[in-house]
Amino acid sequence: MNINIPFQTIDWSTIPKTEHKGETGMAYWQTVQFEGHWCTKGHIVHCLEGDFVSELSNGQQFILTKGMTYVVSDELSSHRSTTVDGVKLLIIDGDFLKLSKSSD
């Protein structure tokens, strides 16, 4: 079920940060969730500052630096990311990233 999102602005200074402890550091998330548009697998990830390594379960690694983006739909990869010196990311998740099954 898709839900239309009307035009709106987001003042990130009013969105609370939550802390998420990693194996070797801390991630700070600011999250805006729209009903029916949340996805736990597919992502659009844009690197705002710093750099990080995104690793696929098959061993492939990709280094993303400031200004780079990766995009993946649901169920197309298992992935994890790490950083040594910290990173600021813009992450967009949503139903539009669900895997489309062809109707052959």
PDB file of N, CA and C in Angstrom:
ATOM      1  N   MET A   1       0.841  -1.183   0.000  1.00  0.00           N
ATOM      2  CA  MET A   1       0.000   0.000   0.000  1.00  0.00           C
ATOM      3  C   MET A   1       0.882   1.241   0.000  1.00  0.00           C
ATOM      4  N   ASN A   2       0.720   2.098  -0.985  1.00  0.00           N
ATOM      5  CA  ASN A   2       1.448   3.345  -1.032  1.00  0.00           C
ATOM      6  C   ASN A   2       0.580   4.458  -0.478  1.00  0.00           C
ATOM      7  N   ILE A   3       1.201   5.348   0.257  1.00  0.00           N
ATOM      8  CA  ILE A   3       0.525   6.499   0.810  1.00  0.00           C
ATOM      9  C   ILE A   3       1.197   7.727   0.236  1.00  0.00           C
ATOM     10  N   ASN A   4       0.427   8.671  -0.285  1.00  0.00           N
ATOM     11  CA  ASN A   4       0.996   9.885  -0.829  1.00  0.00           C
ATOM     12  C   ASN A   4       1.490  10.778   0.298  1.00  0.00           C
ATOM     13  N   ILE A   5       2.643  11.391   0.083  1.00  0.00           N
ATOM     14  CA  ILE A   5       3.210  12.314   1.055  1.00  0.00           C
ATOM     15  C   ILE A   5       3.037  13.721   0.498  1.00  0.00           C
ATOM     16  N   PRO A   6       2.229  14.559   1.150  1.00  0.00           N
ATOM     17  CA  PRO A   6       2.061  15.916   0.655  1.00  0.00           C
ATOM     18  C   PRO A   6       3.347  16.718   0.838  1.00  0.00           C
ATOM     19  N   PHE A   7       3.464  17.827   0.085  1.00  0.00           N
ATOM     20  CA  PHE A   7       4.637  18.682   0.224  1.00  0.00           C
ATOM     21  C   PHE A   7       4.781  19.113   1.674  1.00  0.00           C
ATOM     22  N   GLN A   8       6.007  19.040   2.162  1.00  0.00           N
ATOM     23  CA  GLN A   8       6.298  19.488   3.521  1.00  0.00           C
ATOM     24  C   GLN A   8       7.777  19.765   3.662  1.00  0.00           C
ATOM     25  N   THR A   9       8.118  20.555   4.644  1.00  0.00           N
ATOM     26  CA  THR A   9       9.524  20.816   4.939  1.00  0.00           C
ATOM     27  C   THR A   9       9.879  20.101   6.234  1.00  0.00           C
ATOM     28  N   ILE A  10      11.163  19.817   6.397  1.00  0.00           N
ATOM     29  CA  ILE A  10      11.646  19.178   7.626  1.00  0.00           C
ATOM     30  C   ILE A  10      12.735  20.065   8.208  1.00  0.00           C
ATOM     31  N   ASP A  11      12.531  20.535   9.416  1.00  0.00           N
ATOM     32  CA  ASP A  11      13.546  21.299  10.142  1.00  0.00           C
ATOM     33  C   ASP A  11      14.325  20.312  10.990  1.00  0.00           C
ATOM     34  N   TRP A  12      15.494  19.884  10.480  1.00  0.00           N
ATOM     35  CA  TRP A  12      16.267  18.842  11.150  1.00  0.00           C
ATOM     36  C   TRP A  12      16.712  19.245  12.551  1.00  0.00           C
ATOM     37  N   SER A  13      16.760  20.544  12.829  1.00  0.00           N
ATOM     38  CA  SER A  13      17.157  20.966  14.178  1.00  0.00           C
ATOM     39  C   SER A  13      16.096  20.604  15.212  1.00  0.00           C
ATOM     40  N   THR A  14      14.873  20.287  14.770  1.00  0.00           N
ATOM     41  CA  THR A  14      13.802  19.911  15.701  1.00  0.00           C
ATOM     42  C   THR A  14      13.613  18.397  15.812  1.00  0.00           C
ATOM     43  N   ILE A  15      14.334  17.641  15.014  1.00  0.00           N
ATOM     44  CA  ILE A  15      14.202  16.178  15.027  1.00  0.00           C
ATOM     45  C   ILE A  15      15.214  15.618  16.038  1.00  0.00           C
ATOM     46  N   PRO A  16      14.749  14.909  17.067  1.00  0.00           N
ATOM     47  CA  PRO A  16      15.677  14.403  18.087  1.00  0.00           C
ATOM     48  C   PRO A  16      16.655  13.381  17.514  1.00  0.00           C
ATOM     49  N   LYS A  17      17.857  13.380  18.077  1.00  0.00           N
ATOM     50  CA  LYS A  17      18.879  12.402  17.714  1.00  0.00           C
ATOM     51  C   LYS A  17      18.795  11.226  18.680  1.00  0.00           C
ATOM     52  N   THR A  18      18.920  10.019  18.143  1.00  0.00           N
ATOM     53  CA  THR A  18      18.983   8.835  18.995  1.00  0.00           C
ATOM     54  C   THR A  18      20.346   8.181  18.789  1.00  0.00           C
ATOM     55  N   GLU A  19      20.891   7.618  19.852  1.00  0.00           N
ATOM     56  CA  GLU A  19      22.208   6.980  19.803  1.00  0.00           C
ATOM     57  C   GLU A  19      22.052   5.484  19.558  1.00  0.00           C
ATOM     58  N   HIS A  20      22.911   4.948  18.693  1.00  0.00           N
ATOM     59  CA  HIS A  20      22.914   3.532  18.381  1.00  0.00           C
ATOM     60  C   HIS A  20      24.358   3.047  18.443  1.00  0.00           C
ATOM     61  N   LYS A  21      24.664   2.250  19.457  1.00  0.00           N
ATOM     62  CA  LYS A  21      26.021   1.775  19.667  1.00  0.00           C
ATOM     63  C   LYS A  21      26.372   0.691  18.647  1.00  0.00           C
ATOM     64  N   GLY A  22      27.534   0.832  18.017  1.00  0.00           N
ATOM     65  CA  GLY A  22      28.055  -0.166  17.097  1.00  0.00           C
ATOM     66  C   GLY A  22      29.101  -1.011  17.801  1.00  0.00           C
ATOM     67  N   GLU A  23      29.764  -1.864  17.055  1.00  0.00           N
ATOM     68  CA  GLU A  23      30.807  -2.707  17.643  1.00  0.00           C
ATOM     69  C   GLU A  23      31.970  -1.874  18.158  1.00  0.00           C
ATOM     70  N   THR A  24      32.284  -0.780  17.471  1.00  0.00           N
ATOM     71  CA  THR A  24      33.453   0.023  17.867  1.00  0.00           C
ATOM     72  C   THR A  24      33.157   1.507  17.994  1.00  0.00           C
ATOM     73  N   GLY A  25      31.920   1.918  17.876  1.00  0.00           N
ATOM     74  CA  GLY A  25      31.612   3.345  17.958  1.00  0.00           C
ATOM     75  C   GLY A  25      30.134   3.582  18.170  1.00  0.00           C
ATOM     76  N   MET A  26      29.721   4.788  17.834  1.00  0.00           N
ATOM     77  CA  MET A  26      28.346   5.203  18.064  1.00  0.00           C
ATOM     78  C   MET A  26      27.801   5.832  16.794  1.00  0.00           C
ATOM     79  N   ALA A  27      26.533   5.548  16.478  1.00  0.00           N
ATOM     80  CA  ALA A  27      25.838   6.200  15.371  1.00  0.00           C
ATOM     81  C   ALA A  27      24.733   7.059  15.970  1.00  0.00           C
ATOM     82  N   TYR A  28      24.541   8.226  15.410  1.00  0.00           N
ATOM     83  CA  TYR A  28      23.478   9.128  15.836  1.00  0.00           C
ATOM     84  C   TYR A  28      22.492   9.252  14.686  1.00  0.00           C
ATOM     85  N   TRP A  29      21.239   8.897  14.938  1.00  0.00           N
ATOM     86  CA  TRP A  29      20.210   8.901  13.899  1.00  0.00           C
ATOM     87  C   TRP A  29      19.224  10.014  14.171  1.00  0.00           C
ATOM     88  N   GLN A  30      18.807  10.684  13.103  1.00  0.00           N
ATOM     89  CA  GLN A  30      17.649  11.554  13.130  1.00  0.00           C
ATOM     90  C   GLN A  30      16.695  10.953  12.114  1.00  0.00           C
ATOM     91  N   THR A  31      15.522  10.564  12.564  1.00  0.00           N
ATOM     92  CA  THR A  31      14.622   9.781  11.724  1.00  0.00           C
ATOM     93  C   THR A  31      13.270  10.465  11.592  1.00  0.00           C
ATOM     94  N   VAL A  32      12.803  10.540  10.356  1.00  0.00           N
ATOM     95  CA  VAL A  32      11.431  10.943  10.076  1.00  0.00           C
ATOM     96  C   VAL A  32      10.794   9.749   9.397  1.00  0.00           C
ATOM     97  N   GLN A  33       9.726   9.232   9.979  1.00  0.00           N
ATOM     98  CA  GLN A  33       9.088   8.036   9.452  1.00  0.00           C
ATOM     99  C   GLN A  33       7.709   8.384   8.934  1.00  0.00           C
ATOM    100  N   PHE A  34       7.431   7.942   7.691  1.00  0.00           N
ATOM    101  CA  PHE A  34       6.124   8.138   7.102  1.00  0.00           C
ATOM    102  C   PHE A  34       5.423   6.790   7.067  1.00  0.00           C
ATOM    103  N   GLU A  35       4.212   6.750   7.553  1.00  0.00           N
ATOM    104  CA  GLU A  35       3.446   5.514   7.590  1.00  0.00           C
ATOM    105  C   GLU A  35       3.404   4.875   6.204  1.00  0.00           C
ATOM    106  N   GLY A  36       3.720   3.606   6.133  1.00  0.00           N
ATOM    107  CA  GLY A  36       3.665   2.888   4.873  1.00  0.00           C
ATOM    108  C   GLY A  36       4.869   3.111   3.977  1.00  0.00           C
ATOM    109  N   HIS A  37       5.843   3.899   4.398  1.00  0.00           N
ATOM    110  CA  HIS A  37       7.005   4.179   3.567  1.00  0.00           C
ATOM    111  C   HIS A  37       8.310   3.750   4.233  1.00  0.00           C
ATOM    112  N   TRP A  38       8.234   2.884   5.220  1.00  0.00           N
ATOM    113  CA  TRP A  38       9.445   2.463   5.933  1.00  0.00           C
ATOM    114  C   TRP A  38       9.898   1.105   5.422  1.00  0.00           C
ATOM    115  N   CYS A  39      11.196   0.973   5.201  1.00  0.00           N
ATOM    116  CA  CYS A  39      11.754  -0.285   4.711  1.00  0.00           C
ATOM    117  C   CYS A  39      13.013  -0.584   5.484  1.00  0.00           C
ATOM    118  N   THR A  40      13.229  -1.845   5.821  1.00  0.00           N
ATOM    119  CA  THR A  40      14.411  -2.201   6.598  1.00  0.00           C
ATOM    120  C   THR A  40      15.545  -2.755   5.756  1.00  0.00           C
ATOM    121  N   LYS A  41      15.336  -2.940   4.450  1.00  0.00           N
ATOM    122  CA  LYS A  41      16.361  -3.603   3.637  1.00  0.00           C
ATOM    123  C   LYS A  41      16.925  -2.723   2.529  1.00  0.00           C
ATOM    124  N   GLY A  42      16.094  -2.062   1.774  1.00  0.00           N
ATOM    125  CA  GLY A  42      16.572  -1.229   0.679  1.00  0.00           C
ATOM    126  C   GLY A  42      16.967   0.141   1.185  1.00  0.00           C
ATOM    127  N   HIS A  43      17.964   0.762   0.551  1.00  0.00           N
ATOM    128  CA  HIS A  43      18.429   2.073   0.994  1.00  0.00           C
ATOM    129  C   HIS A  43      18.892   2.914  -0.178  1.00  0.00           C
ATOM    130  N   ILE A  44      18.799   4.213   0.009  1.00  0.00           N
ATOM    131  CA  ILE A  44      19.592   5.172  -0.735  1.00  0.00           C
ATOM    132  C   ILE A  44      20.472   5.815   0.328  1.00  0.00           C
ATOM    133  N   VAL A  45      21.782   5.688   0.197  1.00  0.00           N
ATOM    134  CA  VAL A  45      22.714   6.208   1.194  1.00  0.00           C
ATOM    135  C   VAL A  45      23.633   7.212   0.515  1.00  0.00           C
ATOM    136  N   HIS A  46      23.620   8.460   1.007  1.00  0.00           N
ATOM    137  CA  HIS A  46      24.459   9.520   0.458  1.00  0.00           C
ATOM    138  C   HIS A  46      25.433   9.975   1.533  1.00  0.00           C
ATOM    139  N   CYS A  47      26.710  10.033   1.194  1.00  0.00           N
ATOM    140  CA  CYS A  47      27.758  10.429   2.135  1.00  0.00           C
ATOM    141  C   CYS A  47      27.881  11.957   2.157  1.00  0.00           C
ATOM    142  N   LEU A  48      27.551  12.554   3.279  1.00  0.00           N
ATOM    143  CA  LEU A  48      27.613  14.010   3.440  1.00  0.00           C
ATOM    144  C   LEU A  48      28.993  14.464   3.888  1.00  0.00           C
ATOM    145  N   GLU A  49      29.623  13.690   4.766  1.00  0.00           N
ATOM    146  CA  GLU A  49      30.958  14.019   5.287  1.00  0.00           C
ATOM    147  C   GLU A  49      31.683  12.730   5.631  1.00  0.00           C
ATOM    148  N   GLY A  50      33.002  12.737   5.477  1.00  0.00           N
ATOM    149  CA  GLY A  50      33.818  11.584   5.846  1.00  0.00           C
ATOM    150  C   GLY A  50      33.792  10.510   4.780  1.00  0.00           C
ATOM    151  N   ASP A  51      34.056   9.281   5.214  1.00  0.00           N
ATOM    152  CA  ASP A  51      34.037   8.150   4.297  1.00  0.00           C
ATOM    153  C   ASP A  51      33.702   6.883   5.077  1.00  0.00           C
ATOM    154  N   PHE A  52      33.258   5.872   4.328  1.00  0.00           N
ATOM    155  CA  PHE A  52      32.927   4.598   4.954  1.00  0.00           C
ATOM    156  C   PHE A  52      33.080   3.484   3.927  1.00  0.00           C
ATOM    157  N   VAL A  53      33.144   2.264   4.438  1.00  0.00           N
ATOM    158  CA  VAL A  53      33.234   1.085   3.589  1.00  0.00           C
ATOM    159  C   VAL A  53      31.917   0.337   3.701  1.00  0.00           C
ATOM    160  N   SER A  54      31.316   0.051   2.569  1.00  0.00           N
ATOM    161  CA  SER A  54      30.121  -0.784   2.526  1.00  0.00           C
ATOM    162  C   SER A  54      30.556  -2.146   2.009  1.00  0.00           C
ATOM    163  N   GLU A  55      30.282  -3.171   2.797  1.00  0.00           N
ATOM    164  CA  GLU A  55      30.712  -4.533   2.466  1.00  0.00           C
ATOM    165  C   GLU A  55      29.495  -5.400   2.179  1.00  0.00           C
ATOM    166  N   LEU A  56      29.544  -6.131   1.078  1.00  0.00           N
ATOM    167  CA  LEU A  56      28.486  -7.077   0.745  1.00  0.00           C
ATOM    168  C   LEU A  56      28.827  -8.437   1.333  1.00  0.00           C
ATOM    169  N   SER A  57      27.823  -9.273   1.537  1.00  0.00           N
ATOM    170  CA  SER A  57      28.058 -10.585   2.148  1.00  0.00           C
ATOM    171  C   SER A  57      28.936 -11.479   1.276  1.00  0.00           C
ATOM    172  N   ASN A  58      29.066 -11.163  -0.015  1.00  0.00           N
ATOM    173  CA  ASN A  58      29.945 -11.958  -0.880  1.00  0.00           C
ATOM    174  C   ASN A  58      31.401 -11.502  -0.802  1.00  0.00           C
ATOM    175  N   GLY A  59      31.683 -10.527   0.072  1.00  0.00           N
ATOM    176  CA  GLY A  59      33.052 -10.073   0.278  1.00  0.00           C
ATOM    177  C   GLY A  59      33.421  -8.804  -0.474  1.00  0.00           C
ATOM    178  N   GLN A  60      32.619  -8.407  -1.460  1.00  0.00           N
ATOM    179  CA  GLN A  60      32.901  -7.167  -2.177  1.00  0.00           C
ATOM    180  C   GLN A  60      32.839  -5.991  -1.225  1.00  0.00           C
ATOM    181  N   GLN A  61      33.782  -5.038  -1.414  1.00  0.00           N
ATOM    182  CA  GLN A  61      33.793  -3.833  -0.595  1.00  0.00           C
ATOM    183  C   GLN A  61      33.815  -2.604  -1.495  1.00  0.00           C
ATOM    184  N   PHE A  62      33.103  -1.576  -1.056  1.00  0.00           N
ATOM    185  CA  PHE A  62      33.035  -0.317  -1.783  1.00  0.00           C
ATOM    186  C   PHE A  62      33.360   0.805  -0.813  1.00  0.00           C
ATOM    187  N   ILE A  63      34.288   1.669  -1.187  1.00  0.00           N
ATOM    188  CA  ILE A  63      34.614   2.834  -0.371  1.00  0.00           C
ATOM    189  C   ILE A  63      33.802   4.010  -0.913  1.00  0.00           C
ATOM    190  N   LEU A  64      33.021   4.615  -0.046  1.00  0.00           N
ATOM    191  CA  LEU A  64      32.235   5.782  -0.428  1.00  0.00           C
ATOM    192  C   LEU A  64      32.768   6.991   0.331  1.00  0.00           C
ATOM    193  N   THR A  65      32.975   8.079  -0.394  1.00  0.00           N
ATOM    194  CA  THR A  65      33.480   9.311   0.185  1.00  0.00           C
ATOM    195  C   THR A  65      32.455  10.420  -0.010  1.00  0.00           C
ATOM    196  N   LYS A  66      32.736  11.572   0.579  1.00  0.00           N
ATOM    197  CA  LYS A  66      31.825  12.719   0.504  1.00  0.00           C
ATOM    198  C   LYS A  66      31.337  12.938  -0.923  1.00  0.00           C
ATOM    199  N   GLY A  67      30.025  13.017  -1.078  1.00  0.00           N
ATOM    200  CA  GLY A  67      29.416  13.265  -2.374  1.00  0.00           C
ATOM    201  C   GLY A  67      29.008  12.010  -3.122  1.00  0.00           C
ATOM    202  N   MET A  68      29.388  10.830  -2.627  1.00  0.00           N
ATOM    203  CA  MET A  68      29.023   9.571  -3.285  1.00  0.00           C
ATOM    204  C   MET A  68      27.742   9.001  -2.672  1.00  0.00           C
ATOM    205  N   THR A  69      27.036   8.186  -3.464  1.00  0.00           N
ATOM    206  CA  THR A  69      25.770   7.582  -3.055  1.00  0.00           C
ATOM    207  C   THR A  69      25.736   6.132  -3.492  1.00  0.00           C
ATOM    208  N   TYR A  70      25.089   5.269  -2.686  1.00  0.00           N
ATOM    209  CA  TYR A  70      24.745   3.946  -3.198  1.00  0.00           C
ATOM    210  C   TYR A  70      23.244   3.744  -3.064  1.00  0.00           C
ATOM    211  N   VAL A  71      22.704   2.915  -3.967  1.00  0.00           N
ATOM    212  CA  VAL A  71      21.280   2.615  -4.003  1.00  0.00           C
ATOM    213  C   VAL A  71      21.119   1.115  -4.137  1.00  0.00           C
ATOM    214  N   VAL A  72      20.211   0.514  -3.372  1.00  0.00           N
ATOM    215  CA  VAL A  72      19.920  -0.909  -3.498  1.00  0.00           C
ATOM    216  C   VAL A  72      18.468  -1.154  -3.114  1.00  0.00           C
ATOM    217  N   SER A  73      17.797  -2.013  -3.858  1.00  0.00           N
ATOM    218  CA  SER A  73      16.431  -2.409  -3.528  1.00  0.00           C
ATOM    219  C   SER A  73      16.450  -3.524  -2.482  1.00  0.00           C
ATOM    220  N   ASP A  74      15.302  -3.759  -1.885  1.00  0.00           N
ATOM    221  CA  ASP A  74      15.138  -4.854  -0.925  1.00  0.00           C
ATOM    222  C   ASP A  74      15.595  -6.168  -1.547  1.00  0.00           C
ATOM    223  N   GLU A  75      16.122  -7.017  -0.713  1.00  0.00           N
ATOM    224  CA  GLU A  75      16.414  -8.412  -1.057  1.00  0.00           C
ATOM    225  C   GLU A  75      17.444  -8.592  -2.167  1.00  0.00           C
ATOM    226  N   LEU A  76      18.173  -7.536  -2.560  1.00  0.00           N
ATOM    227  CA  LEU A  76      19.172  -7.690  -3.618  1.00  0.00           C
ATOM    228  C   LEU A  76      20.590  -7.798  -3.082  1.00  0.00           C
ATOM    229  N   SER A  77      20.787  -7.517  -1.805  1.00  0.00           N
ATOM    230  CA  SER A  77      22.110  -7.708  -1.205  1.00  0.00           C
ATOM    231  C   SER A  77      21.983  -7.712   0.309  1.00  0.00           C
ATOM    232  N   SER A  78      22.903  -8.392   0.937  1.00  0.00           N
ATOM    233  CA  SER A  78      23.094  -8.265   2.384  1.00  0.00           C
ATOM    234  C   SER A  78      24.340  -7.412   2.542  1.00  0.00           C
ATOM    235  N   HIS A  79      24.244  -6.358   3.324  1.00  0.00           N
ATOM    236  CA  HIS A  79      25.353  -5.417   3.399  1.00  0.00           C
ATOM    237  C   HIS A  79      25.498  -4.852   4.807  1.00  0.00           C
ATOM    238  N   ARG A  80      26.721  -4.355   5.065  1.00  0.00           N
ATOM    239  CA  ARG A  80      27.008  -3.671   6.322  1.00  0.00           C
ATOM    240  C   ARG A  80      28.050  -2.606   6.030  1.00  0.00           C
ATOM    241  N   SER A  81      28.120  -1.607   6.894  1.00  0.00           N
ATOM    242  CA  SER A  81      29.048  -0.505   6.666  1.00  0.00           C
ATOM    243  C   SER A  81      29.867  -0.234   7.910  1.00  0.00           C
ATOM    244  N   THR A  82      31.103   0.222   7.682  1.00  0.00           N
ATOM    245  CA  THR A  82      31.996   0.591   8.780  1.00  0.00           C
ATOM    246  C   THR A  82      32.720   1.882   8.422  1.00  0.00           C
ATOM    247  N   THR A  83      33.162   2.589   9.454  1.00  0.00           N
ATOM    248  CA  THR A  83      33.971   3.786   9.264  1.00  0.00           C
ATOM    249  C   THR A  83      35.029   3.836  10.350  1.00  0.00           C
ATOM    250  N   VAL A  84      36.173   4.395  10.023  1.00  0.00           N
ATOM    251  CA  VAL A  84      37.262   4.528  10.988  1.00  0.00           C
ATOM    252  C   VAL A  84      37.178   5.876  11.688  1.00  0.00           C
ATOM    253  N   ASP A  85      36.989   6.943  10.914  1.00  0.00           N
ATOM    254  CA  ASP A  85      37.052   8.301  11.459  1.00  0.00           C
ATOM    255  C   ASP A  85      35.709   8.985  11.602  1.00  0.00           C
ATOM    256  N   GLY A  86      34.621   8.275  11.366  1.00  0.00           N
ATOM    257  CA  GLY A  86      33.287   8.858  11.465  1.00  0.00           C
ATOM    258  C   GLY A  86      32.771   9.305  10.115  1.00  0.00           C
ATOM    259  N   VAL A  87      31.465   9.389   9.996  1.00  0.00           N
ATOM    260  CA  VAL A  87      30.826   9.738   8.735  1.00  0.00           C
ATOM    261  C   VAL A  87      29.453  10.324   9.027  1.00  0.00           C
ATOM    262  N   LYS A  88      29.007  11.261   8.181  1.00  0.00           N
ATOM    263  CA  LYS A  88      27.634  11.762   8.228  1.00  0.00           C
ATOM    264  C   LYS A  88      26.957  11.294   6.960  1.00  0.00           C
ATOM    265  N   LEU A  89      25.809  10.634   7.120  1.00  0.00           N
ATOM    266  CA  LEU A  89      25.085  10.058   5.987  1.00  0.00           C
ATOM    267  C   LEU A  89      23.664  10.584   5.936  1.00  0.00           C
ATOM    268  N   LEU A  90      23.134  10.681   4.735  1.00  0.00           N
ATOM    269  CA  LEU A  90      21.704  10.868   4.509  1.00  0.00           C
ATOM    270  C   LEU A  90      21.204   9.526   4.003  1.00  0.00           C
ATOM    271  N   ILE A  91      20.272   8.905   4.741  1.00  0.00           N
ATOM    272  CA  ILE A  91      19.765   7.586   4.373  1.00  0.00           C
ATOM    273  C   ILE A  91      18.270   7.700   4.123  1.00  0.00           C
ATOM    274  N   ILE A  92      17.838   7.238   2.957  1.00  0.00           N
ATOM    275  CA  ILE A  92      16.425   7.259   2.587  1.00  0.00           C
ATOM    276  C   ILE A  92      15.970   5.818   2.409  1.00  0.00           C
ATOM    277  N   ASP A  93      14.943   5.441   3.137  1.00  0.00           N
ATOM    278  CA  ASP A  93      14.346   4.109   3.041  1.00  0.00           C
ATOM    279  C   ASP A  93      12.876   4.287   2.692  1.00  0.00           C
ATOM    280  N   GLY A  94      12.295   3.328   2.003  1.00  0.00           N
ATOM    281  CA  GLY A  94      10.868   3.428   1.716  1.00  0.00           C
ATOM    282  C   GLY A  94      10.360   2.273   0.890  1.00  0.00           C
ATOM    283  N   ASP A  95       9.040   2.194   0.789  1.00  0.00           N
ATOM    284  CA  ASP A  95       8.398   1.124   0.028  1.00  0.00           C
ATOM    285  C   ASP A  95       8.819   1.128  -1.435  1.00  0.00           C
ATOM    286  N   PHE A  96       9.206   2.291  -1.966  1.00  0.00           N
ATOM    287  CA  PHE A  96       9.612   2.363  -3.366  1.00  0.00           C
ATOM    288  C   PHE A  96      10.871   1.550  -3.638  1.00  0.00           C
ATOM    289  N   LEU A  97      11.557   1.084  -2.593  1.00  0.00           N
ATOM    290  CA  LEU A  97      12.750   0.260  -2.751  1.00  0.00           C
ATOM    291  C   LEU A  97      12.431  -1.238  -2.688  1.00  0.00           C
ATOM    292  N   LYS A  98      11.168  -1.586  -2.532  1.00  0.00           N
ATOM    293  CA  LYS A  98      10.792  -3.009  -2.498  1.00  0.00           C
ATOM    294  C   LYS A  98      11.110  -3.643  -3.851  1.00  0.00           C
ATOM    295  N   LEU A  99      11.556  -4.865  -3.813  1.00  0.00           N
ATOM    296  CA  LEU A  99      11.897  -5.600  -5.013  1.00  0.00           C
ATOM    297  C   LEU A  99      10.651  -5.830  -5.859  1.00  0.00           C
ATOM    298  N   SER A 100      10.737  -5.437  -7.128  1.00  0.00           N
ATOM    299  CA  SER A 100       9.627  -5.648  -8.067  1.00  0.00           C
ATOM    300  C   SER A 100       9.743  -7.020  -8.667  1.00  0.00           C
ATOM    301  N   LYS A 101       8.730  -7.827  -8.500  1.00  0.00           N
ATOM    302  CA  LYS A 101       8.704  -9.173  -9.087  1.00  0.00           C
ATOM    303  C   LYS A 101       8.059  -9.057 -10.466  1.00  0.00           C
ATOM    304  N   SER A 102       8.738  -9.563 -11.489  1.00  0.00           N
ATOM    305  CA  SER A 102       8.141  -9.511 -12.831  1.00  0.00           C
ATOM    306  C   SER A 102       6.977 -10.488 -12.892  1.00  0.00           C
ATOM    307  N   SER A 103       5.999 -10.152 -13.699  1.00  0.00           N
ATOM    308  CA  SER A 103       4.810 -11.007 -13.803  1.00  0.00           C
ATOM    309  C   SER A 103       4.825 -11.745 -15.153  1.00  0.00           C
ATOM    310  N   ASP A 104       5.803 -12.638 -15.298  1.00  0.00           N
ATOM    311  CA  ASP A 104       5.947 -13.415 -16.553  1.00  0.00           C
ATOM    312  C   ASP A 104       4.932 -14.527 -16.612  1.00  0.00           C
TER     313      ASP A 104
END
